[in-house]
Amino acid sequence: MENYRMDRTIVSKSSFEVADDHVTFYKDKTPLERLNYACSLINSIFNSNPEMKVDRTNTSARKHAKSI
């Protein structure tokens, strides 16, 4: 198996105050703007765009969750 290493060029250091500043950034935004930011974050995480259809081939549902 190959040795995997973390790409440290993407990671950045910051203080807790700077990292917690997202609260003040989103506080003055409207709910629609917050939703748009959340959508863009989700799309960037899953490498998709809003026009793509959801791939539902790996989803499943069970009637009784306790039997899992």
PDB file of N, CA and C in Angstrom:
ATOM      1  N   MET A   1       0.844  -1.181   0.000  1.00  0.00           N
ATOM      2  CA  MET A   1       0.000   0.000   0.000  1.00  0.00           C
ATOM      3  C   MET A   1       0.891   1.247   0.000  1.00  0.00           C
ATOM      4  N   GLU A   2       0.494   2.231  -0.762  1.00  0.00           N
ATOM      5  CA  GLU A   2       1.279   3.459  -0.851  1.00  0.00           C
ATOM      6  C   GLU A   2       1.165   4.269   0.429  1.00  0.00           C
ATOM      7  N   ASN A   3       2.191   5.071   0.687  1.00  0.00           N
ATOM      8  CA  ASN A   3       2.148   5.971   1.839  1.00  0.00           C
ATOM      9  C   ASN A   3       1.432   7.252   1.426  1.00  0.00           C
ATOM     10  N   TYR A   4       0.396   7.581   2.146  1.00  0.00           N
ATOM     11  CA  TYR A   4      -0.364   8.792   1.869  1.00  0.00           C
ATOM     12  C   TYR A   4       0.083   9.880   2.825  1.00  0.00           C
ATOM     13  N   ARG A   5       0.270  11.071   2.292  1.00  0.00           N
ATOM     14  CA  ARG A   5       0.679  12.202   3.110  1.00  0.00           C
ATOM     15  C   ARG A   5      -0.313  13.340   2.925  1.00  0.00           C
ATOM     16  N   MET A   6      -0.522  14.100   3.992  1.00  0.00           N
ATOM     17  CA  MET A   6      -1.433  15.224   3.925  1.00  0.00           C
ATOM     18  C   MET A   6      -0.791  16.366   3.136  1.00  0.00           C
ATOM     19  N   ASP A   7      -1.581  16.986   2.273  1.00  0.00           N
ATOM     20  CA  ASP A   7      -1.109  18.133   1.509  1.00  0.00           C
ATOM     21  C   ASP A   7      -1.149  19.350   2.423  1.00  0.00           C
ATOM     22  N   ARG A   8      -0.011  19.775   2.908  1.00  0.00           N
ATOM     23  CA  ARG A   8       0.058  20.868   3.883  1.00  0.00           C
ATOM     24  C   ARG A   8       0.036  22.246   3.232  1.00  0.00           C
ATOM     25  N   THR A   9      -0.044  22.320   1.927  1.00  0.00           N
ATOM     26  CA  THR A   9      -0.098  23.625   1.274  1.00  0.00           C
ATOM     27  C   THR A   9      -1.486  24.251   1.388  1.00  0.00           C
ATOM     28  N   ILE A  10      -2.501  23.452   1.671  1.00  0.00           N
ATOM     29  CA  ILE A  10      -3.872  23.950   1.746  1.00  0.00           C
ATOM     30  C   ILE A  10      -4.208  24.427   3.154  1.00  0.00           C
ATOM     31  N   VAL A  11      -3.607  23.824   4.159  1.00  0.00           N
ATOM     32  CA  VAL A  11      -3.921  24.118   5.553  1.00  0.00           C
ATOM     33  C   VAL A  11      -3.312  25.455   5.954  1.00  0.00           C
ATOM     34  N   SER A  12      -4.043  26.219   6.741  1.00  0.00           N
ATOM     35  CA  SER A  12      -3.511  27.480   7.253  1.00  0.00           C
ATOM     36  C   SER A  12      -3.740  27.561   8.756  1.00  0.00           C
ATOM     37  N   LYS A  13      -2.880  28.283   9.429  1.00  0.00           N
ATOM     38  CA  LYS A  13      -3.005  28.476  10.871  1.00  0.00           C
ATOM     39  C   LYS A  13      -3.702  29.794  11.140  1.00  0.00           C
ATOM     40  N   SER A  14      -4.522  29.822  12.176  1.00  0.00           N
ATOM     41  CA  SER A  14      -5.176  31.057  12.577  1.00  0.00           C
ATOM     42  C   SER A  14      -5.508  30.966  14.061  1.00  0.00           C
ATOM     43  N   SER A  15      -5.759  32.100  14.657  1.00  0.00           N
ATOM     44  CA  SER A  15      -6.122  32.118  16.066  1.00  0.00           C
ATOM     45  C   SER A  15      -7.592  31.756  16.215  1.00  0.00           C
ATOM     46  N   PHE A  16      -8.003  31.483  17.445  1.00  0.00           N
ATOM     47  CA  PHE A  16      -9.406  31.140  17.681  1.00  0.00           C
ATOM     48  C   PHE A  16     -10.319  32.318  17.377  1.00  0.00           C
ATOM     49  N   GLU A  17      -9.846  33.523  17.638  1.00  0.00           N
ATOM     50  CA  GLU A  17     -10.669  34.705  17.375  1.00  0.00           C
ATOM     51  C   GLU A  17     -10.920  34.877  15.881  1.00  0.00           C
ATOM     52  N   VAL A  18      -9.887  34.672  15.082  1.00  0.00           N
ATOM     53  CA  VAL A  18     -10.038  34.808  13.635  1.00  0.00           C
ATOM     54  C   VAL A  18     -10.898  33.676  13.086  1.00  0.00           C
ATOM     55  N   ALA A  19     -10.693  32.471  13.591  1.00  0.00           N
ATOM     56  CA  ALA A  19     -11.480  31.337  13.114  1.00  0.00           C
ATOM     57  C   ALA A  19     -12.939  31.465  13.504  1.00  0.00           C
ATOM     58  N   ASP A  20     -13.229  32.118  14.622  1.00  0.00           N
ATOM     59  CA  ASP A  20     -14.601  32.278  15.079  1.00  0.00           C
ATOM     60  C   ASP A  20     -15.274  33.502  14.471  1.00  0.00           C
ATOM     61  N   ASP A  21     -14.582  34.202  13.603  1.00  0.00           N
ATOM     62  CA  ASP A  21     -15.123  35.424  13.018  1.00  0.00           C
ATOM     63  C   ASP A  21     -16.216  35.140  11.994  1.00  0.00           C
ATOM     64  N   HIS A  22     -16.461  33.870  11.640  1.00  0.00           N
ATOM     65  CA  HIS A  22     -17.528  33.564  10.695  1.00  0.00           C
ATOM     66  C   HIS A  22     -18.897  33.949  11.237  1.00  0.00           C
ATOM     67  N   VAL A  23     -19.017  34.026  12.561  1.00  0.00           N
ATOM     68  CA  VAL A  23     -20.295  34.419  13.165  1.00  0.00           C
ATOM     69  C   VAL A  23     -20.620  35.855  12.797  1.00  0.00           C
ATOM     70  N   THR A  24     -19.632  36.743  12.902  1.00  0.00           N
ATOM     71  CA  THR A  24     -19.895  38.139  12.558  1.00  0.00           C
ATOM     72  C   THR A  24     -20.072  38.325  11.056  1.00  0.00           C
ATOM     73  N   PHE A  25     -19.458  37.460  10.245  1.00  0.00           N
ATOM     74  CA  PHE A  25     -19.620  37.568   8.798  1.00  0.00           C
ATOM     75  C   PHE A  25     -21.046  37.228   8.389  1.00  0.00           C
ATOM     76  N   TYR A  26     -21.606  36.166   8.944  1.00  0.00           N
ATOM     77  CA  TYR A  26     -22.935  35.716   8.545  1.00  0.00           C
ATOM     78  C   TYR A  26     -24.064  36.405   9.301  1.00  0.00           C
ATOM     79  N   LYS A  27     -23.740  37.132  10.349  1.00  0.00           N
ATOM     80  CA  LYS A  27     -24.788  37.750  11.169  1.00  0.00           C
ATOM     81  C   LYS A  27     -25.592  38.792  10.395  1.00  0.00           C
ATOM     82  N   ASP A  28     -24.934  39.558   9.537  1.00  0.00           N
ATOM     83  CA  ASP A  28     -25.648  40.615   8.812  1.00  0.00           C
ATOM     84  C   ASP A  28     -26.156  40.162   7.439  1.00  0.00           C
ATOM     85  N   LYS A  29     -26.059  38.871   7.134  1.00  0.00           N
ATOM     86  CA  LYS A  29     -26.568  38.346   5.867  1.00  0.00           C
ATOM     87  C   LYS A  29     -28.021  37.916   6.008  1.00  0.00           C
ATOM     88  N   THR A  30     -28.744  37.975   4.899  1.00  0.00           N
ATOM     89  CA  THR A  30     -30.127  37.513   4.904  1.00  0.00           C
ATOM     90  C   THR A  30     -30.146  35.986   4.896  1.00  0.00           C
ATOM     91  N   PRO A  31     -31.269  35.373   5.277  1.00  0.00           N
ATOM     92  CA  PRO A  31     -31.342  33.909   5.238  1.00  0.00           C
ATOM     93  C   PRO A  31     -31.087  33.333   3.839  1.00  0.00           C
ATOM     94  N   LEU A  32     -31.517  34.027   2.805  1.00  0.00           N
ATOM     95  CA  LEU A  32     -31.274  33.550   1.449  1.00  0.00           C
ATOM     96  C   LEU A  32     -29.781  33.585   1.105  1.00  0.00           C
ATOM     97  N   GLU A  33     -29.094  34.638   1.531  1.00  0.00           N
ATOM     98  CA  GLU A  33     -27.653  34.712   1.295  1.00  0.00           C
ATOM     99  C   GLU A  33     -26.919  33.608   2.062  1.00  0.00           C
ATOM    100  N   ARG A  34     -27.345  33.334   3.292  1.00  0.00           N
ATOM    101  CA  ARG A  34     -26.741  32.252   4.071  1.00  0.00           C
ATOM    102  C   ARG A  34     -26.953  30.902   3.393  1.00  0.00           C
ATOM    103  N   LEU A  35     -28.140  30.691   2.847  1.00  0.00           N
ATOM    104  CA  LEU A  35     -28.439  29.449   2.146  1.00  0.00           C
ATOM    105  C   LEU A  35     -27.586  29.307   0.886  1.00  0.00           C
ATOM    106  N   ASN A  36     -27.386  30.404   0.176  1.00  0.00           N
ATOM    107  CA  ASN A  36     -26.531  30.373  -1.008  1.00  0.00           C
ATOM    108  C   ASN A  36     -25.087  30.057  -0.643  1.00  0.00           C
ATOM    109  N   TYR A  37     -24.597  30.611   0.471  1.00  0.00           N
ATOM    110  CA  TYR A  37     -23.247  30.288   0.929  1.00  0.00           C
ATOM    111  C   TYR A  37     -23.146  28.813   1.296  1.00  0.00           C
ATOM    112  N   ALA A  38     -24.157  28.288   1.975  1.00  0.00           N
ATOM    113  CA  ALA A  38     -24.150  26.874   2.360  1.00  0.00           C
ATOM    114  C   ALA A  38     -24.169  25.982   1.126  1.00  0.00           C
ATOM    115  N   CYS A  39     -24.957  26.346   0.129  1.00  0.00           N
ATOM    116  CA  CYS A  39     -25.014  25.563  -1.114  1.00  0.00           C
ATOM    117  C   CYS A  39     -23.666  25.565  -1.817  1.00  0.00           C
ATOM    118  N   SER A  40     -23.022  26.705  -1.871  1.00  0.00           N
ATOM    119  CA  SER A  40     -21.721  26.760  -2.551  1.00  0.00           C
ATOM    120  C   SER A  40     -20.671  25.964  -1.790  1.00  0.00           C
ATOM    121  N   LEU A  41     -20.736  25.960  -0.452  1.00  0.00           N
ATOM    122  CA  LEU A  41     -19.804  25.143   0.327  1.00  0.00           C
ATOM    123  C   LEU A  41     -20.032  23.656   0.083  1.00  0.00           C
ATOM    124  N   ILE A  42     -21.278  23.229   0.081  1.00  0.00           N
ATOM    125  CA  ILE A  42     -21.598  21.821  -0.157  1.00  0.00           C
ATOM    126  C   ILE A  42     -21.172  21.410  -1.564  1.00  0.00           C
ATOM    127  N   ASN A  43     -21.411  22.276  -2.552  1.00  0.00           N
ATOM    128  CA  ASN A  43     -21.014  21.965  -3.916  1.00  0.00           C
ATOM    129  C   ASN A  43     -19.499  21.870  -4.051  1.00  0.00           C
ATOM    130  N   SER A  44     -18.767  22.717  -3.332  1.00  0.00           N
ATOM    131  CA  SER A  44     -17.312  22.639  -3.412  1.00  0.00           C
ATOM    132  C   SER A  44     -16.785  21.395  -2.717  1.00  0.00           C
ATOM    133  N   ILE A  45     -17.438  20.952  -1.649  1.00  0.00           N
ATOM    134  CA  ILE A  45     -16.996  19.747  -0.943  1.00  0.00           C
ATOM    135  C   ILE A  45     -17.207  18.515  -1.811  1.00  0.00           C
ATOM    136  N   PHE A  46     -18.357  18.407  -2.442  1.00  0.00           N
ATOM    137  CA  PHE A  46     -18.687  17.224  -3.236  1.00  0.00           C
ATOM    138  C   PHE A  46     -18.321  17.372  -4.712  1.00  0.00           C
ATOM    139  N   ASN A  47     -17.649  18.471  -5.056  1.00  0.00           N
ATOM    140  CA  ASN A  47     -17.185  18.712  -6.423  1.00  0.00           C
ATOM    141  C   ASN A  47     -18.333  18.579  -7.420  1.00  0.00           C
ATOM    142  N   SER A  48     -19.385  19.325  -7.172  1.00  0.00           N
ATOM    143  CA  SER A  48     -20.556  19.300  -8.042  1.00  0.00           C
ATOM    144  C   SER A  48     -21.015  20.724  -8.307  1.00  0.00           C
ATOM    145  N   ASN A  49     -22.092  20.839  -9.037  1.00  0.00           N
ATOM    146  CA  ASN A  49     -22.706  22.148  -9.263  1.00  0.00           C
ATOM    147  C   ASN A  49     -24.216  21.992  -9.114  1.00  0.00           C
ATOM    148  N   PRO A  50     -24.950  23.079  -8.969  1.00  0.00           N
ATOM    149  CA  PRO A  50     -26.399  22.968  -8.728  1.00  0.00           C
ATOM    150  C   PRO A  50     -27.186  22.323  -9.868  1.00  0.00           C
ATOM    151  N   GLU A  51     -26.639  22.331 -11.081  1.00  0.00           N
ATOM    152  CA  GLU A  51     -27.365  21.752 -12.205  1.00  0.00           C
ATOM    153  C   GLU A  51     -27.252  20.229 -12.274  1.00  0.00           C
ATOM    154  N   MET A  52     -26.290  19.658 -11.559  1.00  0.00           N
ATOM    155  CA  MET A  52     -26.098  18.204 -11.605  1.00  0.00           C
ATOM    156  C   MET A  52     -27.202  17.500 -10.832  1.00  0.00           C
ATOM    157  N   LYS A  53     -27.598  16.336 -11.328  1.00  0.00           N
ATOM    158  CA  LYS A  53     -28.589  15.535 -10.616  1.00  0.00           C
ATOM    159  C   LYS A  53     -27.885  14.750  -9.520  1.00  0.00           C
ATOM    160  N   VAL A  54     -28.616  14.444  -8.467  1.00  0.00           N
ATOM    161  CA  VAL A  54     -28.070  13.699  -7.355  1.00  0.00           C
ATOM    162  C   VAL A  54     -27.938  12.228  -7.749  1.00  0.00           C
ATOM    163  N   ASP A  55     -26.770  11.652  -7.469  1.00  0.00           N
ATOM    164  CA  ASP A  55     -26.542  10.237  -7.749  1.00  0.00           C
ATOM    165  C   ASP A  55     -27.133   9.426  -6.600  1.00  0.00           C
ATOM    166  N   ARG A  56     -28.208   8.727  -6.861  1.00  0.00           N
ATOM    167  CA  ARG A  56     -28.911   7.986  -5.819  1.00  0.00           C
ATOM    168  C   ARG A  56     -28.682   6.482  -5.913  1.00  0.00           C
ATOM    169  N   THR A  57     -27.624   6.069  -6.572  1.00  0.00           N
ATOM    170  CA  THR A  57     -27.389   4.644  -6.737  1.00  0.00           C
ATOM    171  C   THR A  57     -26.901   3.980  -5.455  1.00  0.00           C
ATOM    172  N   ASN A  58     -26.274   4.715  -4.556  1.00  0.00           N
ATOM    173  CA  ASN A  58     -25.734   4.127  -3.332  1.00  0.00           C
ATOM    174  C   ASN A  58     -26.591   4.392  -2.107  1.00  0.00           C
ATOM    175  N   THR A  59     -27.769   4.900  -2.284  1.00  0.00           N
ATOM    176  CA  THR A  59     -28.633   5.173  -1.142  1.00  0.00           C
ATOM    177  C   THR A  59     -29.560   3.989  -0.889  1.00  0.00           C
ATOM    178  N   SER A  60     -29.897   3.793   0.362  1.00  0.00           N
ATOM    179  CA  SER A  60     -30.832   2.744   0.717  1.00  0.00           C
ATOM    180  C   SER A  60     -31.619   3.183   1.936  1.00  0.00           C
ATOM    181  N   ALA A  61     -32.750   2.562   2.138  1.00  0.00           N
ATOM    182  CA  ALA A  61     -33.587   2.870   3.283  1.00  0.00           C
ATOM    183  C   ALA A  61     -34.091   1.558   3.872  1.00  0.00           C
ATOM    184  N   ARG A  62     -34.186   1.523   5.185  1.00  0.00           N
ATOM    185  CA  ARG A  62     -34.680   0.329   5.857  1.00  0.00           C
ATOM    186  C   ARG A  62     -35.888   0.708   6.704  1.00  0.00           C
ATOM    187  N   LYS A  63     -36.766  -0.233   6.840  1.00  0.00           N
ATOM    188  CA  LYS A  63     -37.977   0.019   7.602  1.00  0.00           C
ATOM    189  C   LYS A  63     -37.682   0.033   9.098  1.00  0.00           C
ATOM    190  N   HIS A  64     -36.838  -0.880   9.556  1.00  0.00           N
ATOM    191  CA  HIS A  64     -36.533  -0.991  10.971  1.00  0.00           C
ATOM    192  C   HIS A  64     -35.076  -0.629  11.196  1.00  0.00           C
ATOM    193  N   ALA A  65     -34.837   0.514  11.796  1.00  0.00           N
ATOM    194  CA  ALA A  65     -33.470   0.972  11.998  1.00  0.00           C
ATOM    195  C   ALA A  65     -32.741   0.171  13.069  1.00  0.00           C
ATOM    196  N   LYS A  66     -33.460  -0.438  14.015  1.00  0.00           N
ATOM    197  CA  LYS A  66     -32.817  -1.199  15.085  1.00  0.00           C
ATOM    198  C   LYS A  66     -32.188  -2.480  14.588  1.00  0.00           C
ATOM    199  N   SER A  67     -32.637  -3.008  13.473  1.00  0.00           N
ATOM    200  CA  SER A  67     -32.108  -4.282  12.968  1.00  0.00           C
ATOM    201  C   SER A  67     -30.812  -4.110  12.172  1.00  0.00           C
ATOM    202  N   ILE A  68     -30.318  -2.898  12.052  1.00  0.00           N
ATOM    203  CA  ILE A  68     -29.097  -2.651  11.281  1.00  0.00           C
ATOM    204  C   ILE A  68     -27.888  -3.129  12.056  1.00  0.00           C
TER     205      ILE A  68
END
